[in-house]
Protein backbone atom coordinates (compact mmCIF):
# COMPACT_ATOMS: atom_id res chain seq x y z
CA UNK A 1 21.39 45.36 -72.89
CA UNK A 2 17.63 46.06 -73.19
CA UNK A 3 16.95 42.45 -74.01
CA UNK A 4 18.83 41.24 -70.86
CA UNK A 5 16.88 43.75 -68.68
CA UNK A 6 13.59 42.43 -70.10
CA UNK A 7 14.58 38.81 -69.48
CA UNK A 8 15.54 39.56 -65.88
CA UNK A 9 12.20 41.31 -65.23
CA UNK A 10 10.28 38.51 -66.85
CA UNK A 11 12.12 35.90 -64.73
CA UNK A 12 11.13 37.81 -61.62
CA UNK A 13 7.48 37.70 -62.68
CA UNK A 14 7.58 33.98 -63.36
CA UNK A 15 9.27 33.32 -60.02
CA UNK A 16 6.69 35.33 -58.18
CA UNK A 17 3.90 33.54 -60.02
CA UNK A 18 5.40 30.14 -59.09
CA UNK A 19 5.91 30.97 -55.39
CA UNK A 20 2.37 32.29 -55.04
CA UNK A 21 0.97 29.15 -56.70
CA UNK A 22 3.05 26.80 -54.46
CA UNK A 23 1.98 28.65 -51.31
CA UNK A 24 -1.71 28.61 -52.38
CA UNK A 25 -1.50 24.93 -53.20
CA UNK A 26 0.22 24.08 -49.90
CA UNK A 27 -2.50 25.95 -47.93
CA UNK A 28 -5.24 24.27 -49.84
CA UNK A 29 -3.70 20.80 -49.43
CA UNK A 30 -3.26 21.30 -45.68
CA UNK A 31 -6.78 22.49 -45.13
CA UNK A 32 -8.18 19.72 -47.28
CA UNK A 33 -6.20 17.03 -45.45
CA UNK A 34 -7.16 18.45 -42.03
CA UNK A 35 -10.85 18.59 -42.83
CA UNK A 36 -10.81 15.07 -44.30
CA UNK A 37 -9.15 13.55 -41.16
CA UNK A 38 -11.68 15.41 -38.90
CA UNK A 39 -14.54 14.10 -40.97
CA UNK A 40 -13.36 10.49 -40.88
CA UNK A 41 -12.82 10.73 -37.09
CA UNK A 42 -16.30 12.20 -36.55
CA UNK A 43 -17.84 9.46 -38.66
CA UNK A 44 -16.11 6.57 -36.84
CA UNK A 45 -16.89 7.99 -33.39
CA UNK A 46 -20.53 8.75 -34.18
CA UNK A 47 -21.16 5.33 -35.79
CA UNK A 48 -19.64 3.49 -32.83
CA UNK A 49 -21.77 5.42 -30.34
CA UNK A 50 -25.06 5.09 -32.25
CA UNK A 51 -24.60 1.58 -33.71
CA UNK A 52 -26.93 0.02 -31.13
CA UNK A 53 -29.68 2.50 -31.87
CA UNK A 54 -31.21 2.48 -35.36
CA UNK A 55 -32.68 5.94 -35.04
CA UNK A 56 -29.41 7.29 -33.72
CA UNK A 57 -27.60 5.64 -36.72
CA UNK A 58 -29.90 7.40 -39.17
CA UNK A 59 -29.37 10.68 -37.39
CA UNK A 60 -25.66 10.28 -37.31
CA UNK A 61 -25.56 9.57 -41.06
CA UNK A 62 -27.56 12.69 -41.76
CA UNK A 63 -25.35 14.64 -39.52
CA UNK A 64 -22.17 13.32 -41.20
CA UNK A 65 -23.62 14.19 -44.61
CA UNK A 66 -24.15 17.71 -43.31
CA UNK A 67 -20.57 17.85 -42.00
CA UNK A 68 -19.24 16.61 -45.28
CA UNK A 69 -21.19 19.28 -47.19
CA UNK A 70 -19.75 21.99 -44.96
CA UNK A 71 -16.27 20.62 -45.44
CA UNK A 72 -16.68 20.59 -49.26
CA UNK A 73 -18.03 24.12 -49.26
CA UNK A 74 -15.19 25.29 -47.02
CA UNK A 75 -12.60 23.68 -49.30
CA UNK A 76 -14.26 25.19 -52.43
CA UNK A 77 -14.25 28.66 -50.92
CA UNK A 78 -10.68 28.30 -49.82
CA UNK A 79 -9.63 27.22 -53.25
CA UNK A 80 -11.55 30.03 -54.96
CA UNK A 81 -9.94 32.61 -52.62
CA UNK A 82 -6.49 31.18 -53.41
CA UNK A 83 -7.14 31.35 -57.19
CA UNK A 84 -8.35 34.98 -57.00
CA UNK A 85 -5.34 35.94 -54.89
CA UNK A 86 -3.07 34.30 -57.46
CA UNK A 87 -4.76 35.97 -60.40
CA UNK A 88 -4.78 39.33 -58.70
CA UNK A 89 -1.07 39.15 -57.86
CA UNK A 90 -0.21 38.02 -61.38
CA UNK A 91 -2.28 40.82 -62.95
CA UNK A 92 -0.69 43.52 -60.71
CA UNK A 93 2.83 42.16 -61.34
CA UNK A 94 2.23 42.00 -65.11
CA UNK A 95 0.84 45.54 -65.27
CA UNK A 96 3.75 46.88 -63.25
CA UNK A 97 6.23 45.07 -65.53
CA UNK A 98 4.61 46.55 -68.62
CA UNK A 99 4.67 50.07 -67.15
CA UNK A 100 8.34 49.79 -66.12
CA UNK A 101 9.16 48.29 -69.52
CA UNK A 102 7.48 51.20 -71.30
CA UNK A 103 9.22 53.76 -69.08
CA UNK A 104 12.57 52.19 -69.89
CA UNK A 105 11.96 52.51 -73.65
CA UNK A 106 9.81 55.57 -74.25
CA UNK A 107 10.80 59.22 -74.08
CA UNK A 108 8.43 60.80 -71.58
CA UNK A 109 7.94 64.10 -73.40
CA UNK A 110 7.53 62.99 -77.08
CA UNK A 111 6.22 59.42 -76.52
CA UNK A 112 8.60 57.96 -79.12
CA UNK A 113 11.51 55.60 -78.29
CA UNK A 114 14.37 57.16 -76.29
CA UNK A 115 17.96 57.15 -77.61
CA UNK A 116 18.92 53.90 -76.02
CA UNK A 117 15.94 52.10 -77.46
CA UNK A 118 16.12 53.45 -81.02
CA UNK A 119 19.86 52.65 -81.16
CA UNK A 120 19.05 49.09 -80.08
CA UNK A 121 16.51 48.83 -82.89
CA UNK A 122 19.06 50.16 -85.39
CA UNK A 123 21.60 47.60 -84.18
CA UNK A 124 19.16 44.75 -84.69
CA UNK A 125 18.23 45.93 -88.18
CA UNK A 126 21.86 46.21 -89.25
CA UNK A 127 22.42 42.65 -88.05
CA UNK A 128 19.43 41.47 -90.10
CA UNK A 129 20.66 43.38 -93.16
CA UNK A 130 24.01 41.68 -92.93
CA UNK A 131 22.50 38.23 -92.48
CA UNK A 132 19.49 38.34 -94.86
CA UNK A 133 20.69 40.78 -97.48
CA UNK A 134 17.96 43.40 -97.15
CA UNK A 135 18.77 47.17 -97.03
CA UNK A 136 18.31 49.42 -94.01
CA UNK A 137 17.95 53.17 -94.08
CA UNK A 138 18.33 55.55 -91.26
CA UNK A 139 17.17 59.22 -91.10
CA UNK A 140 18.27 61.99 -88.71
CA UNK A 141 15.79 64.84 -88.27
CA UNK A 142 16.43 68.22 -86.59
CA UNK A 143 14.05 71.11 -85.96
CA UNK A 144 15.22 74.32 -87.65
CA UNK A 145 15.94 77.30 -85.40
CA UNK A 146 14.66 75.49 -82.32
CA UNK A 147 16.81 77.55 -79.94
CA UNK A 148 15.28 80.75 -81.41
CA UNK A 149 11.81 79.22 -80.94
CA UNK A 150 12.58 78.48 -77.29
CA UNK A 151 14.08 81.87 -76.65
CA UNK A 152 11.12 83.66 -78.23
CA UNK A 153 8.21 81.56 -77.07
CA UNK A 154 9.54 80.04 -73.87
CA UNK A 155 10.55 76.54 -72.87
CA UNK A 156 6.97 75.41 -72.15
CA UNK A 157 6.03 76.21 -75.71
CA UNK A 158 9.18 74.46 -76.87
CA UNK A 159 8.13 71.29 -75.01
CA UNK A 160 4.72 71.49 -76.56
CA UNK A 161 6.30 71.71 -79.97
CA UNK A 162 8.38 68.60 -79.33
CA UNK A 163 5.26 66.78 -78.17
CA UNK A 164 3.39 67.64 -81.39
CA UNK A 165 6.44 66.77 -83.45
CA UNK A 166 6.51 63.31 -81.79
CA UNK A 167 2.83 62.78 -82.56
CA UNK A 168 3.29 63.79 -86.25
CA UNK A 169 6.23 61.46 -86.65
CA UNK A 170 4.29 58.52 -85.17
CA UNK A 171 1.38 59.25 -87.50
CA UNK A 172 3.36 59.77 -90.68
CA UNK A 173 5.78 56.77 -90.62
CA UNK A 174 4.79 53.33 -91.73
CA UNK A 175 3.71 50.85 -89.09
CA UNK A 176 6.94 48.89 -89.27
CA UNK A 177 9.25 51.98 -89.06
CA UNK A 178 10.74 52.90 -85.71
CA UNK A 179 10.97 56.49 -84.40
CA UNK A 180 13.10 57.70 -81.53
CA UNK A 181 14.30 60.93 -79.88
CA UNK A 182 18.02 61.08 -80.54
CA UNK A 183 18.68 64.11 -78.27
CA UNK A 184 17.16 67.51 -77.68
CA UNK A 185 15.24 68.48 -80.88
CA UNK A 186 16.87 65.73 -82.93
CA UNK A 187 15.02 62.55 -83.87
CA UNK A 188 15.91 59.34 -85.65
CA UNK A 189 13.87 57.04 -87.87
CA UNK A 190 14.92 53.45 -88.64
CA UNK A 191 13.49 52.10 -91.93
CA UNK A 192 13.73 48.32 -91.98
CA UNK A 193 14.07 46.56 -95.40
CA UNK A 194 13.84 49.97 -97.10
CA UNK A 195 15.92 51.45 -99.89
CA UNK A 196 17.12 55.07 -99.63
CA UNK A 197 14.72 56.57 -102.17
CA UNK A 198 11.70 54.91 -100.53
CA UNK A 199 12.71 56.24 -97.11
CA UNK A 200 13.26 59.63 -98.63
CA UNK A 201 9.69 59.71 -99.83
CA UNK A 202 8.43 59.01 -96.31
CA UNK A 203 10.73 61.81 -94.98
CA UNK A 204 9.54 64.26 -97.60
CA UNK A 205 5.96 63.58 -96.51
CA UNK A 206 6.99 64.28 -92.93
CA UNK A 207 8.86 67.48 -93.84
CA UNK A 208 5.84 68.80 -95.80
CA UNK A 209 3.42 67.88 -93.00
CA UNK A 210 5.45 69.75 -90.42
CA UNK A 211 5.89 72.79 -92.76
CA UNK A 212 2.15 72.90 -93.39
CA UNK A 213 1.12 72.50 -89.75
CA UNK A 214 0.26 75.61 -87.67
CA UNK A 215 2.26 75.87 -84.52
CA UNK A 216 2.01 78.40 -81.63
CA UNK A 217 4.47 81.26 -82.10
CA UNK A 218 5.57 80.25 -85.63
CA UNK A 219 5.22 83.86 -86.76
CA UNK A 220 8.36 84.62 -84.72
CA UNK A 221 10.42 82.16 -86.73
CA UNK A 222 12.69 83.28 -89.66
CA UNK A 223 10.45 81.68 -92.29
CA UNK A 224 7.24 82.37 -90.32
CA UNK A 225 6.73 78.65 -89.82
CA UNK A 226 8.22 75.63 -88.12
CA UNK A 227 10.36 73.45 -90.38
CA UNK A 228 12.62 70.43 -90.17
CA UNK A 229 15.78 69.33 -91.93
CA UNK A 230 16.49 65.67 -92.61
CA UNK A 231 19.57 63.66 -93.63
CA UNK A 232 19.48 60.00 -94.68
CA UNK A 233 21.93 57.09 -95.11
CA UNK A 234 21.54 53.57 -96.41
CA UNK A 235 23.34 50.27 -95.87
CA UNK A 236 23.12 47.68 -98.55
CA UNK A 237 22.17 44.09 -97.89
CA UNK A 238 24.98 41.65 -96.95
CA UNK A 239 27.28 44.54 -96.19
CA UNK A 240 28.77 44.91 -92.77
CA UNK A 241 28.84 48.45 -91.44
CA UNK A 242 29.27 49.89 -88.01
CA UNK A 243 26.31 51.78 -86.49
CA UNK A 244 28.32 54.91 -85.84
CA UNK A 245 29.52 54.96 -89.43
CA UNK A 246 25.98 54.89 -90.79
CA UNK A 247 24.87 57.62 -88.33
CA UNK A 248 27.81 59.84 -89.24
CA UNK A 249 26.87 59.58 -92.89
CA UNK A 250 23.26 60.59 -92.18
CA UNK A 251 24.43 63.33 -89.86
CA UNK A 252 26.64 64.64 -92.70
CA UNK A 253 23.61 64.99 -95.01
CA UNK A 254 21.61 66.61 -92.19
CA UNK A 255 24.39 69.23 -91.77
CA UNK A 256 24.36 69.84 -95.51
CA UNK A 257 20.60 70.26 -95.45
CA UNK A 258 21.04 72.88 -92.67
CA UNK A 259 23.82 74.66 -94.57
CA UNK A 260 21.91 74.74 -97.84
CA UNK A 261 18.86 76.58 -96.49
CA UNK A 262 17.07 74.12 -94.12
CA UNK A 263 13.54 72.69 -94.61
CA UNK A 264 14.77 69.91 -96.95
CA UNK A 265 15.63 66.23 -97.26
CA UNK A 266 19.13 65.29 -98.42
CA UNK A 267 20.81 61.91 -99.05
């Protein structure tokens, strides 16, 4: 679905670019043709009138050269204006497309992928796993006692906590891992071509980083700090598995992490 939306928007950009180019080229061609016809007419009329007079002929040639120079300069300016208009329109259209594309993919608060985008990435990785035989691991993360944090410190502080959590997740994952907000205070990480234990090491690093970070109002939490629980699940290479099945398995381990004391990684 996301891919189709991107293609539609890209097609609109290309169509806009082509239409602007055609219009600019038509205007330039029309002006160029008009100026050239006028120049030829002026030259013929002037030469006929001054042919009997040598001095008049020399003057007319100089005058025609001057006219030709003006025509060339006018054509050049027209062409430059058309090019700048074309480039300006293309730049604006491209920037607008990139902004809209980003807004369609990124969660505004946490600046990680939204649920729709992160599920799309997971779907693509599962297809690659089935085709090429490499493993894929998914992790579900949930802030511990987030409702209590909101009730105690206020929703503005809760939003700030989610923002910082999003930043920590972006910093701690590897450059080829994908992070998304799954809903509320729950996040998801897709680990491409990654075995379960390797992904668990990354998640343990994330868990420790959050536990060691100082957050506003953490003294009001049950453990006097902000913590996170994580559940992981893996799909082996060449094995077909439904996306929801994998997520349910990760969610099961997340639930066990919550039930067994929170602030831990289970798989």
